Amino acid sequence: MTRRLGHLAVALLAGSALWGCAAQPTINTDATQRSHDGLYAIDNSIVDQAWVRGDLDLSGYNKIKLESSGIQYRPTKAGANSRMAARRGETDFPVQQENRDRLLQIVAEAFTQELAKAERFQLTDETGSDVLIVRGQLLDVVSHVPPETPGRGDVYLDEIGAATLAIEIIDSESNTVLLRAVDRRAAESHGMPIPSNTATNWSEVRRLAQFWARLLRQRLDGLAEALSLSESAI
């Protein structure tokens, strides 16, 4: 691996001082650990899993085009009988359509607003030789919020749900994936359980979306320093 690749991988996926990582990320050059499309695995990444191209060079890019691959929801056994499932002590519940629409809107707004603050990159709706596509998808989304029932008392939850974020950074002309990151997080109360109601639940969802968006923007902003380091090391 080149010095350029090492610096860029650190800039995109590290952040030990900021996020409390115990070890710096390293590129796993074991051929058996490469992805189906030839990406190298990153060990000790801030996210759960990450892969990067061996010839990664982002020096020619200065724009970002956001794309969404949508949201996939975990199939739950509760279904139409979710109230009975809650009484049985089950913890996974379906997400209603109106809430699915709102979740999609919250995530889109968080990434658009946060990436608009990027120092190195500008948002665009076009493709081109200087444009990176940032394509995101939420997977295995599940709600832990039981349905409202008549006479139900207060409900306190440690987490209101969970989701896996998959992000791909792609060359917009060739459609080649340059970097892929996957991270699963819960929308949680960070300490003691919080009352489950519409306001608190959506607040936690918004907080999680903003965390992911801010992390991506900070990693992308780190490219400026990484690129200067790699140029001076060549």
Foldseek 3Di string as FASTA:
>chain_A
DALLVVLLCQLQFNDCPNQVQPDGKDWDPPPVQADPQGWTWIPSGPAPTKTFHPPDDLVLAAAEEEAEPEEEEDDDPCPPVLQVVVVVVDFWDDDDPVRSVVLVVLLVVLQVVQLCPFDRHHYDNDADQRYKYKYKYKYHKTARDGDDDPPDDWDWDQFGIKIKMKIFIARRPVRHTGMIGIHIDTLGDPDGTDTDDDVVNVVSSSVVSNVVSNSNSSSVSSVVVSVVVSVVVD
